[in-house]
Amino acid sequence: MTVSLSLFAGAGQQFFDNSGVPLAGGLVYTYAAGTTTPSTTYTSNTGGTAQANPIVLDSAGRVPNEIWLTNNASYKFLLKDSTGVQIGSYDNISGQGTIVGDLYVSGNITVGGSVIGLTGRILQVVKFVTSTKTTTTGTSYVNSALTSSITPTYNNSKIVILCSASQQIYDYTTEMNTRVVRGASTEVTGSYRIFKTFLISEGTAKDLWVPTAFTLVDEPATTLSTTYTVQLKCQAASGGTVAYGSNDTNASTMILMEISQ
């Protein structure tokens, strides 16, 4: 039985007669809202033990137990003295909806007929910073040191990927490509040649640092730990060298944000 604490006389409530005298032996009757049909209340949050109906107040006019109501049900309470004379009637009373622990909501909440959207909320943020630089001369993508993991809360969440770092080219004949992959090799949509950096020069080799920053959005469709990695390669086998990550003064950063769908 799922129950919530009553908003009427829920815990330790003391009642008095019209003269202000404690209502010793007073009677609390419980009915379905708007009716005279008796409705059961319970003595604790387990919902395992039903109250007597009527509930008999003690010598100080207090309820002998807590009063817990069935969730999603409304009640009517009648308060009488020990001789059965009615003192008050209280209708359409429900539990206070106590929540113990965490509350997880998927979708939207409707309040008073209006939908409160929960989409677009930032559910978690993971930040990774490294001072490691990755260097390659090859034409196949290799993993850089800029990599991080996130475990989505929901299967339909979006992951926003924000990266900032520097790219270095050692030779003017070299062109560098970078991309982001999910897992070992699944390219994140939109990341192919996210930066295509090259030198236009003549004569001797050059050494160029290029600050880079970009944002991507992925939909991994999983609630398992998911790893994102920046990869780099030389565009052609030109004998040049490229590097990605941190220069002498700046670290590189990857931020992963889970956004509710």
C-alpha atoms as a PDB file:
ATOM      1  CA  MET A   1       0.000   0.000   0.000  1.00  0.00           C
ATOM      2  CA  THR A   2       1.428   3.373  -1.046  1.00  0.00           C
ATOM      3  CA  VAL A   3       0.394   6.123   1.359  1.00  0.00           C
ATOM      4  CA  SER A   4       1.100   9.773   2.181  1.00  0.00           C
ATOM      5  CA  LEU A   5       0.780  11.671   5.452  1.00  0.00           C
ATOM      6  CA  SER A   6      -2.628  13.309   5.846  1.00  0.00           C
ATOM      7  CA  LEU A   7      -2.845  17.081   5.572  1.00  0.00           C
ATOM      8  CA  PHE A   8      -5.559  16.898   8.255  1.00  0.00           C
ATOM      9  CA  ALA A   9      -4.405  15.728  11.705  1.00  0.00           C
ATOM     10  CA  GLY A  10      -1.504  13.854  10.129  1.00  0.00           C
ATOM     11  CA  ALA A  11       0.848  13.676  13.120  1.00  0.00           C
ATOM     12  CA  GLY A  12       0.308  14.680  16.755  1.00  0.00           C
ATOM     13  CA  GLN A  13      -2.653  16.948  16.032  1.00  0.00           C
ATOM     14  CA  GLN A  14      -4.518  18.142  19.139  1.00  0.00           C
ATOM     15  CA  PHE A  15      -8.217  19.090  18.986  1.00  0.00           C
ATOM     16  CA  PHE A  16     -10.337  21.276  21.241  1.00  0.00           C
ATOM     17  CA  ASP A  17     -14.061  21.823  21.739  1.00  0.00           C
ATOM     18  CA  ASN A  18     -15.702  25.168  21.058  1.00  0.00           C
ATOM     19  CA  SER A  19     -14.786  26.318  24.575  1.00  0.00           C
ATOM     20  CA  GLY A  20     -11.085  25.606  24.042  1.00  0.00           C
ATOM     21  CA  VAL A  21     -11.072  22.484  26.207  1.00  0.00           C
ATOM     22  CA  PRO A  22      -9.021  19.527  24.874  1.00  0.00           C
ATOM     23  CA  LEU A  23     -11.368  17.175  23.037  1.00  0.00           C
ATOM     24  CA  ALA A  24     -10.745  14.106  25.235  1.00  0.00           C
ATOM     25  CA  GLY A  25     -12.238  10.989  23.671  1.00  0.00           C
ATOM     26  CA  GLY A  26     -13.213  12.928  20.573  1.00  0.00           C
ATOM     27  CA  LEU A  27     -14.020  11.044  17.379  1.00  0.00           C
ATOM     28  CA  VAL A  28     -12.535  11.463  13.891  1.00  0.00           C
ATOM     29  CA  TYR A  29     -14.523   9.744  11.131  1.00  0.00           C
ATOM     30  CA  THR A  30     -12.996   9.196   7.679  1.00  0.00           C
ATOM     31  CA  TYR A  31     -14.991   8.900   4.450  1.00  0.00           C
ATOM     32  CA  ALA A  32     -14.381   9.033   0.723  1.00  0.00           C
ATOM     33  CA  ALA A  33     -14.458  12.680  -0.342  1.00  0.00           C
ATOM     34  CA  GLY A  34     -17.960  14.054  -0.816  1.00  0.00           C
ATOM     35  CA  THR A  35     -19.682  10.904   0.482  1.00  0.00           C
ATOM     36  CA  THR A  36     -20.682   9.063   3.625  1.00  0.00           C
ATOM     37  CA  THR A  37     -18.829   5.939   2.530  1.00  0.00           C
ATOM     38  CA  PRO A  38     -16.210   5.001   5.131  1.00  0.00           C
ATOM     39  CA  SER A  39     -12.655   5.121   3.792  1.00  0.00           C
ATOM     40  CA  THR A  40      -9.652   3.466   5.426  1.00  0.00           C
ATOM     41  CA  THR A  41      -6.672   5.388   6.764  1.00  0.00           C
ATOM     42  CA  TYR A  42      -3.436   3.895   8.112  1.00  0.00           C
ATOM     43  CA  THR A  43      -1.258   4.212  11.203  1.00  0.00           C
ATOM     44  CA  SER A  44       2.181   4.445   9.530  1.00  0.00           C
ATOM     45  CA  ASN A  45       3.983   5.068   6.251  1.00  0.00           C
ATOM     46  CA  THR A  46       4.055   1.332   5.509  1.00  0.00           C
ATOM     47  CA  GLY A  47       0.288   1.307   4.954  1.00  0.00           C
ATOM     48  CA  GLY A  48       0.189  -2.041   6.709  1.00  0.00           C
ATOM     49  CA  THR A  49      -2.152  -1.298   9.628  1.00  0.00           C
ATOM     50  CA  ALA A  50      -5.566   0.285   9.233  1.00  0.00           C
ATOM     51  CA  GLN A  51      -6.832   2.871  11.684  1.00  0.00           C
ATOM     52  CA  ALA A  52     -10.036   2.377  13.618  1.00  0.00           C
ATOM     53  CA  ASN A  53     -12.927   4.315  12.104  1.00  0.00           C
ATOM     54  CA  PRO A  54     -13.720   6.454  13.970  1.00  0.00           C
ATOM     55  CA  ILE A  55     -10.298   7.324  15.346  1.00  0.00           C
ATOM     56  CA  VAL A  56     -10.656   7.958  19.084  1.00  0.00           C
ATOM     57  CA  LEU A  57      -8.644  10.891  20.433  1.00  0.00           C
ATOM     58  CA  ASP A  58      -6.677  10.433  23.681  1.00  0.00           C
ATOM     59  CA  SER A  59      -7.288  12.228  26.991  1.00  0.00           C
ATOM     60  CA  ALA A  60      -5.446  15.302  25.705  1.00  0.00           C
ATOM     61  CA  GLY A  61      -7.475  15.418  22.498  1.00  0.00           C
ATOM     62  CA  ARG A  62      -4.604  14.166  20.320  1.00  0.00           C
ATOM     63  CA  VAL A  63      -4.692  11.549  17.583  1.00  0.00           C
ATOM     64  CA  PRO A  64      -3.265   8.282  18.953  1.00  0.00           C
ATOM     65  CA  ASN A  65      -1.329   7.492  15.760  1.00  0.00           C
ATOM     66  CA  GLU A  66      -0.167   9.248  12.654  1.00  0.00           C
ATOM     67  CA  ILE A  67      -2.827   9.358   9.930  1.00  0.00           C
ATOM     68  CA  TRP A  68      -1.695   8.155   6.490  1.00  0.00           C
ATOM     69  CA  LEU A  69      -3.910   8.242   3.393  1.00  0.00           C
ATOM     70  CA  THR A  70      -3.959   6.148   0.267  1.00  0.00           C
ATOM     71  CA  ASN A  71      -2.124   7.928  -2.551  1.00  0.00           C
ATOM     72  CA  ASN A  72      -4.312   9.452  -5.276  1.00  0.00           C
ATOM     73  CA  ALA A  73      -7.368   9.333  -3.003  1.00  0.00           C
ATOM     74  CA  SER A  74      -9.304  12.190  -1.394  1.00  0.00           C
ATOM     75  CA  TYR A  75     -11.045  11.960   1.960  1.00  0.00           C
ATOM     76  CA  LYS A  76     -13.692  13.671   4.058  1.00  0.00           C
ATOM     77  CA  PHE A  77     -13.085  14.000   7.816  1.00  0.00           C
ATOM     78  CA  LEU A  78     -15.822  14.545  10.420  1.00  0.00           C
ATOM     79  CA  LEU A  79     -14.751  15.693  13.883  1.00  0.00           C
ATOM     80  CA  LYS A  80     -17.138  14.947  16.778  1.00  0.00           C
ATOM     81  CA  ASP A  81     -16.953  15.079  20.540  1.00  0.00           C
ATOM     82  CA  SER A  82     -17.115  11.942  22.679  1.00  0.00           C
ATOM     83  CA  THR A  83     -20.920  12.045  22.704  1.00  0.00           C
ATOM     84  CA  GLY A  84     -21.173  12.203  18.913  1.00  0.00           C
ATOM     85  CA  VAL A  85     -21.899  15.939  18.542  1.00  0.00           C
ATOM     86  CA  GLN A  86     -20.309  17.173  15.306  1.00  0.00           C
ATOM     87  CA  ILE A  87     -17.742  19.947  15.652  1.00  0.00           C
ATOM     88  CA  GLY A  88     -16.493  20.219  12.081  1.00  0.00           C
ATOM     89  CA  SER A  89     -16.439  18.697   8.582  1.00  0.00           C
ATOM     90  CA  TYR A  90     -13.362  18.771   6.323  1.00  0.00           C
ATOM     91  CA  ASP A  91     -13.698  17.541   2.739  1.00  0.00           C
ATOM     92  CA  ASN A  92     -11.403  16.814  -0.213  1.00  0.00           C
ATOM     93  CA  ILE A  93      -8.341  16.131   1.938  1.00  0.00           C
ATOM     94  CA  SER A  94      -5.423  14.262   0.385  1.00  0.00           C
ATOM     95  CA  GLY A  95      -1.949  13.175   1.450  1.00  0.00           C
ATOM     96  CA  GLN A  96       0.938  15.583   1.227  1.00  0.00           C
ATOM     97  CA  GLY A  97       2.788  13.409  -1.279  1.00  0.00           C
ATOM     98  CA  THR A  98       5.907  12.838   0.776  1.00  0.00           C
ATOM     99  CA  ILE A  99       8.864  11.589  -1.274  1.00  0.00           C
ATOM    100  CA  VAL A 100      11.662   9.730   0.464  1.00  0.00           C
ATOM    101  CA  GLY A 101      14.908   9.564  -1.539  1.00  0.00           C
ATOM    102  CA  ASP A 102      15.465  10.751  -5.109  1.00  0.00           C
ATOM    103  CA  LEU A 103      12.763  11.624  -7.598  1.00  0.00           C
ATOM    104  CA  TYR A 104      13.390  10.761 -11.247  1.00  0.00           C
ATOM    105  CA  VAL A 105      10.984  12.031 -13.881  1.00  0.00           C
ATOM    106  CA  SER A 106      11.014  11.050 -17.537  1.00  0.00           C
ATOM    107  CA  GLY A 107       8.926  13.270 -19.777  1.00  0.00           C
ATOM    108  CA  ASN A 108       6.788  16.175 -18.599  1.00  0.00           C
ATOM    109  CA  ILE A 109       4.864  17.028 -15.436  1.00  0.00           C
ATOM    110  CA  THR A 110       1.287  18.317 -15.662  1.00  0.00           C
ATOM    111  CA  VAL A 111       0.189  20.757 -12.948  1.00  0.00           C
ATOM    112  CA  GLY A 112      -3.329  22.183 -12.957  1.00  0.00           C
ATOM    113  CA  GLY A 113      -3.787  21.116 -16.553  1.00  0.00           C
ATOM    114  CA  SER A 114      -0.600  22.867 -17.725  1.00  0.00           C
ATOM    115  CA  VAL A 115       2.433  20.913 -18.892  1.00  0.00           C
ATOM    116  CA  ILE A 116       5.729  21.789 -17.286  1.00  0.00           C
ATOM    117  CA  GLY A 117       8.443  20.673 -19.704  1.00  0.00           C
ATOM    118  CA  LEU A 118      11.558  19.013 -18.349  1.00  0.00           C
ATOM    119  CA  THR A 119      13.400  18.863 -21.640  1.00  0.00           C
ATOM    120  CA  GLY A 120      16.546  20.879 -22.214  1.00  0.00           C
ATOM    121  CA  ARG A 121      17.819  20.623 -18.632  1.00  0.00           C
ATOM    122  CA  ILE A 122      21.510  20.056 -17.943  1.00  0.00           C
ATOM    123  CA  LEU A 123      21.613  16.787 -16.016  1.00  0.00           C
ATOM    124  CA  GLN A 124      25.366  16.505 -15.462  1.00  0.00           C
ATOM    125  CA  VAL A 125      28.697  18.004 -16.517  1.00  0.00           C
ATOM    126  CA  VAL A 126      32.025  16.175 -16.843  1.00  0.00           C
ATOM    127  CA  LYS A 127      35.242  18.167 -17.281  1.00  0.00           C
ATOM    128  CA  PHE A 128      38.637  16.819 -18.345  1.00  0.00           C
ATOM    129  CA  VAL A 129      41.858  18.843 -18.580  1.00  0.00           C
ATOM    130  CA  THR A 130      45.225  17.627 -19.831  1.00  0.00           C
ATOM    131  CA  SER A 131      48.631  19.113 -20.551  1.00  0.00           C
ATOM    132  CA  THR A 132      49.660  16.214 -22.801  1.00  0.00           C
ATOM    133  CA  LYS A 133      50.397  16.853 -26.469  1.00  0.00           C
ATOM    134  CA  THR A 134      49.827  14.153 -29.108  1.00  0.00           C
ATOM    135  CA  THR A 135      52.065  14.085 -32.210  1.00  0.00           C
ATOM    136  CA  THR A 136      51.740  12.121 -35.455  1.00  0.00           C
ATOM    137  CA  THR A 137      53.164  11.974 -38.966  1.00  0.00           C
ATOM    138  CA  GLY A 138      50.666   9.384 -40.228  1.00  0.00           C
ATOM    139  CA  THR A 139      47.667   9.654 -42.510  1.00  0.00           C
ATOM    140  CA  SER A 140      45.401   7.491 -40.322  1.00  0.00           C
ATOM    141  CA  TYR A 141      43.558   8.943 -37.347  1.00  0.00           C
ATOM    142  CA  VAL A 142      45.204   8.442 -33.955  1.00  0.00           C
ATOM    143  CA  ASN A 143      43.777   9.179 -30.518  1.00  0.00           C
ATOM    144  CA  SER A 144      44.856  12.356 -28.819  1.00  0.00           C
ATOM    145  CA  ALA A 145      45.168  12.700 -25.055  1.00  0.00           C
ATOM    146  CA  LEU A 146      41.968  14.761 -25.032  1.00  0.00           C
ATOM    147  CA  THR A 147      39.401  12.113 -24.081  1.00  0.00           C
ATOM    148  CA  SER A 148      36.686  11.784 -21.445  1.00  0.00           C
ATOM    149  CA  SER A 149      33.694   9.602 -20.506  1.00  0.00           C
ATOM    150  CA  ILE A 150      30.142  10.243 -19.353  1.00  0.00           C
ATOM    151  CA  THR A 151      27.342   7.890 -18.307  1.00  0.00           C
ATOM    152  CA  PRO A 152      23.995   9.220 -19.597  1.00  0.00           C
ATOM    153  CA  THR A 153      21.046   9.160 -17.202  1.00  0.00           C
ATOM    154  CA  TYR A 154      18.526   8.512 -19.948  1.00  0.00           C
ATOM    155  CA  ASN A 155      18.632   6.620 -23.222  1.00  0.00           C
ATOM    156  CA  ASN A 156      17.361   9.635 -25.210  1.00  0.00           C
ATOM    157  CA  SER A 157      19.669  12.283 -23.719  1.00  0.00           C
ATOM    158  CA  LYS A 158      21.878  14.460 -25.876  1.00  0.00           C
ATOM    159  CA  ILE A 159      25.569  14.913 -25.091  1.00  0.00           C
ATOM    160  CA  VAL A 160      27.086  18.321 -25.809  1.00  0.00           C
ATOM    161  CA  ILE A 161      30.841  18.133 -26.439  1.00  0.00           C
ATOM    162  CA  LEU A 162      32.929  21.271 -25.959  1.00  0.00           C
ATOM    163  CA  CYS A 163      36.665  21.145 -26.681  1.00  0.00           C
ATOM    164  CA  SER A 164      39.445  23.700 -26.642  1.00  0.00           C
ATOM    165  CA  ALA A 165      43.083  23.030 -27.456  1.00  0.00           C
ATOM    166  CA  SER A 166      45.885  24.014 -29.823  1.00  0.00           C
ATOM    167  CA  GLN A 167      47.019  22.454 -33.092  1.00  0.00           C
ATOM    168  CA  GLN A 168      50.640  22.536 -34.170  1.00  0.00           C
ATOM    169  CA  ILE A 169      52.097  22.073 -37.625  1.00  0.00           C
ATOM    170  CA  TYR A 170      55.831  21.569 -38.022  1.00  0.00           C
ATOM    171  CA  ASP A 171      56.043  21.635 -41.807  1.00  0.00           C
ATOM    172  CA  TYR A 172      54.464  23.949 -44.365  1.00  0.00           C
ATOM    173  CA  THR A 173      53.760  20.968 -46.657  1.00  0.00           C
ATOM    174  CA  THR A 174      51.572  19.340 -44.004  1.00  0.00           C
ATOM    175  CA  GLU A 175      47.798  19.582 -43.621  1.00  0.00           C
ATOM    176  CA  MET A 176      46.044  18.352 -40.420  1.00  0.00           C
ATOM    177  CA  ASN A 177      42.533  16.990 -39.887  1.00  0.00           C
ATOM    178  CA  THR A 178      40.837  16.472 -36.505  1.00  0.00           C
ATOM    179  CA  ARG A 179      37.578  14.787 -35.515  1.00  0.00           C
ATOM    180  CA  VAL A 180      35.725  13.403 -32.462  1.00  0.00           C
ATOM    181  CA  VAL A 181      34.780   9.750 -32.092  1.00  0.00           C
ATOM    182  CA  ARG A 182      32.458   7.975 -29.700  1.00  0.00           C
ATOM    183  CA  GLY A 183      33.947   4.740 -28.413  1.00  0.00           C
ATOM    184  CA  ALA A 184      36.706   3.317 -30.589  1.00  0.00           C
ATOM    185  CA  SER A 185      35.765   4.691 -34.003  1.00  0.00           C
ATOM    186  CA  THR A 186      32.170   5.966 -34.299  1.00  0.00           C
ATOM    187  CA  GLU A 187      32.556   9.449 -35.701  1.00  0.00           C
ATOM    188  CA  VAL A 188      30.336  12.025 -34.043  1.00  0.00           C
ATOM    189  CA  THR A 189      28.047  13.576 -36.669  1.00  0.00           C
ATOM    190  CA  GLY A 190      29.414  16.834 -37.973  1.00  0.00           C
ATOM    191  CA  SER A 191      32.955  16.316 -36.718  1.00  0.00           C
ATOM    192  CA  TYR A 192      34.684  15.158 -39.913  1.00  0.00           C
ATOM    193  CA  ARG A 193      37.433  17.638 -40.677  1.00  0.00           C
ATOM    194  CA  ILE A 194      36.163  19.777 -37.879  1.00  0.00           C
ATOM    195  CA  PHE A 195      39.405  21.647 -38.334  1.00  0.00           C
ATOM    196  CA  LYS A 196      41.437  21.427 -41.497  1.00  0.00           C
ATOM    197  CA  THR A 197      44.591  23.321 -40.668  1.00  0.00           C
ATOM    198  CA  PHE A 198      47.462  23.905 -43.075  1.00  0.00           C
ATOM    199  CA  LEU A 199      50.346  26.256 -43.797  1.00  0.00           C
ATOM    200  CA  ILE A 200      50.748  28.244 -46.951  1.00  0.00           C
ATOM    201  CA  SER A 201      54.395  29.136 -47.242  1.00  0.00           C
ATOM    202  CA  GLU A 202      57.395  28.823 -49.419  1.00  0.00           C
ATOM    203  CA  GLY A 203      60.933  27.878 -48.660  1.00  0.00           C
ATOM    204  CA  THR A 204      61.881  26.590 -45.232  1.00  0.00           C
ATOM    205  CA  ALA A 205      59.635  24.620 -42.868  1.00  0.00           C
ATOM    206  CA  LYS A 206      57.443  26.545 -40.442  1.00  0.00           C
ATOM    207  CA  ASP A 207      56.144  25.965 -36.914  1.00  0.00           C
ATOM    208  CA  LEU A 208      52.569  27.130 -36.330  1.00  0.00           C
ATOM    209  CA  TRP A 209      50.326  26.918 -33.233  1.00  0.00           C
ATOM    210  CA  VAL A 210      46.617  27.335 -34.011  1.00  0.00           C
ATOM    211  CA  PRO A 211      44.172  27.770 -31.076  1.00  0.00           C
ATOM    212  CA  THR A 212      40.984  25.777 -31.700  1.00  0.00           C
ATOM    213  CA  ALA A 213      37.596  25.445 -29.993  1.00  0.00           C
ATOM    214  CA  PHE A 214      34.465  23.652 -31.130  1.00  0.00           C
ATOM    215  CA  THR A 215      31.095  22.306 -29.976  1.00  0.00           C
ATOM    216  CA  LEU A 216      29.328  19.145 -31.128  1.00  0.00           C
ATOM    217  CA  VAL A 217      26.068  17.452 -30.136  1.00  0.00           C
ATOM    218  CA  ASP A 218      25.770  13.667 -30.015  1.00  0.00           C
ATOM    219  CA  GLU A 219      22.882  11.266 -29.318  1.00  0.00           C
ATOM    220  CA  PRO A 220      24.531   8.054 -28.076  1.00  0.00           C
ATOM    221  CA  ALA A 221      21.196   6.297 -27.263  1.00  0.00           C
ATOM    222  CA  THR A 222      22.604   4.474 -24.240  1.00  0.00           C
ATOM    223  CA  THR A 223      22.818   4.654 -20.465  1.00  0.00           C
ATOM    224  CA  LEU A 224      26.227   2.985 -20.418  1.00  0.00           C
ATOM    225  CA  SER A 225      29.520   4.800 -19.905  1.00  0.00           C
ATOM    226  CA  THR A 226      30.399   6.523 -23.184  1.00  0.00           C
ATOM    227  CA  THR A 227      33.867   7.762 -24.136  1.00  0.00           C
ATOM    228  CA  TYR A 228      34.605  10.649 -26.509  1.00  0.00           C
ATOM    229  CA  THR A 229      38.062  11.215 -27.988  1.00  0.00           C
ATOM    230  CA  VAL A 230      39.592  13.835 -30.265  1.00  0.00           C
ATOM    231  CA  GLN A 231      41.590  12.224 -33.095  1.00  0.00           C
ATOM    232  CA  LEU A 232      44.094  13.735 -35.527  1.00  0.00           C
ATOM    233  CA  LYS A 233      45.975  12.814 -38.688  1.00  0.00           C
ATOM    234  CA  CYS A 234      48.021  14.255 -41.539  1.00  0.00           C
ATOM    235  CA  GLN A 235      45.959  14.724 -44.666  1.00  0.00           C
ATOM    236  CA  ALA A 236      48.697  13.446 -46.989  1.00  0.00           C
ATOM    237  CA  ALA A 237      51.964  11.602 -46.665  1.00  0.00           C
ATOM    238  CA  SER A 238      54.045  14.712 -47.106  1.00  0.00           C
ATOM    239  CA  GLY A 239      56.679  14.022 -44.534  1.00  0.00           C
ATOM    240  CA  GLY A 240      55.351  16.674 -42.164  1.00  0.00           C
ATOM    241  CA  THR A 241      54.427  16.437 -38.483  1.00  0.00           C
ATOM    242  CA  VAL A 242      51.273  17.619 -36.681  1.00  0.00           C
ATOM    243  CA  ALA A 243      50.360  17.811 -32.996  1.00  0.00           C
ATOM    244  CA  TYR A 244      47.171  18.372 -30.999  1.00  0.00           C
ATOM    245  CA  GLY A 245      46.674  19.273 -27.354  1.00  0.00           C
ATOM    246  CA  SER A 246      48.578  21.703 -25.182  1.00  0.00           C
ATOM    247  CA  ASN A 247      51.232  24.199 -26.122  1.00  0.00           C
ATOM    248  CA  ASP A 248      53.815  25.511 -23.692  1.00  0.00           C
ATOM    249  CA  THR A 249      51.362  27.667 -21.729  1.00  0.00           C
ATOM    250  CA  ASN A 250      47.815  26.388 -22.280  1.00  0.00           C
ATOM    251  CA  ALA A 251      46.219  23.082 -21.298  1.00  0.00           C
ATOM    252  CA  SER A 252      43.501  21.482 -23.426  1.00  0.00           C
ATOM    253  CA  THR A 253      39.977  20.884 -22.151  1.00  0.00           C
ATOM    254  CA  MET A 254      37.016  18.637 -22.940  1.00  0.00           C
ATOM    255  CA  ILE A 255      33.614  19.285 -21.320  1.00  0.00           C
ATOM    256  CA  LEU A 256      30.759  16.798 -21.711  1.00  0.00           C
ATOM    257  CA  MET A 257      27.214  17.876 -20.774  1.00  0.00           C
ATOM    258  CA  GLU A 258      24.146  15.649 -20.669  1.00  0.00           C
ATOM    259  CA  ILE A 259      20.999  17.465 -21.804  1.00  0.00           C
ATOM    260  CA  SER A 260      17.545  15.960 -21.237  1.00  0.00           C
ATOM    261  CA  GLN A 261      15.678  15.270 -24.464  1.00  0.00           C
END
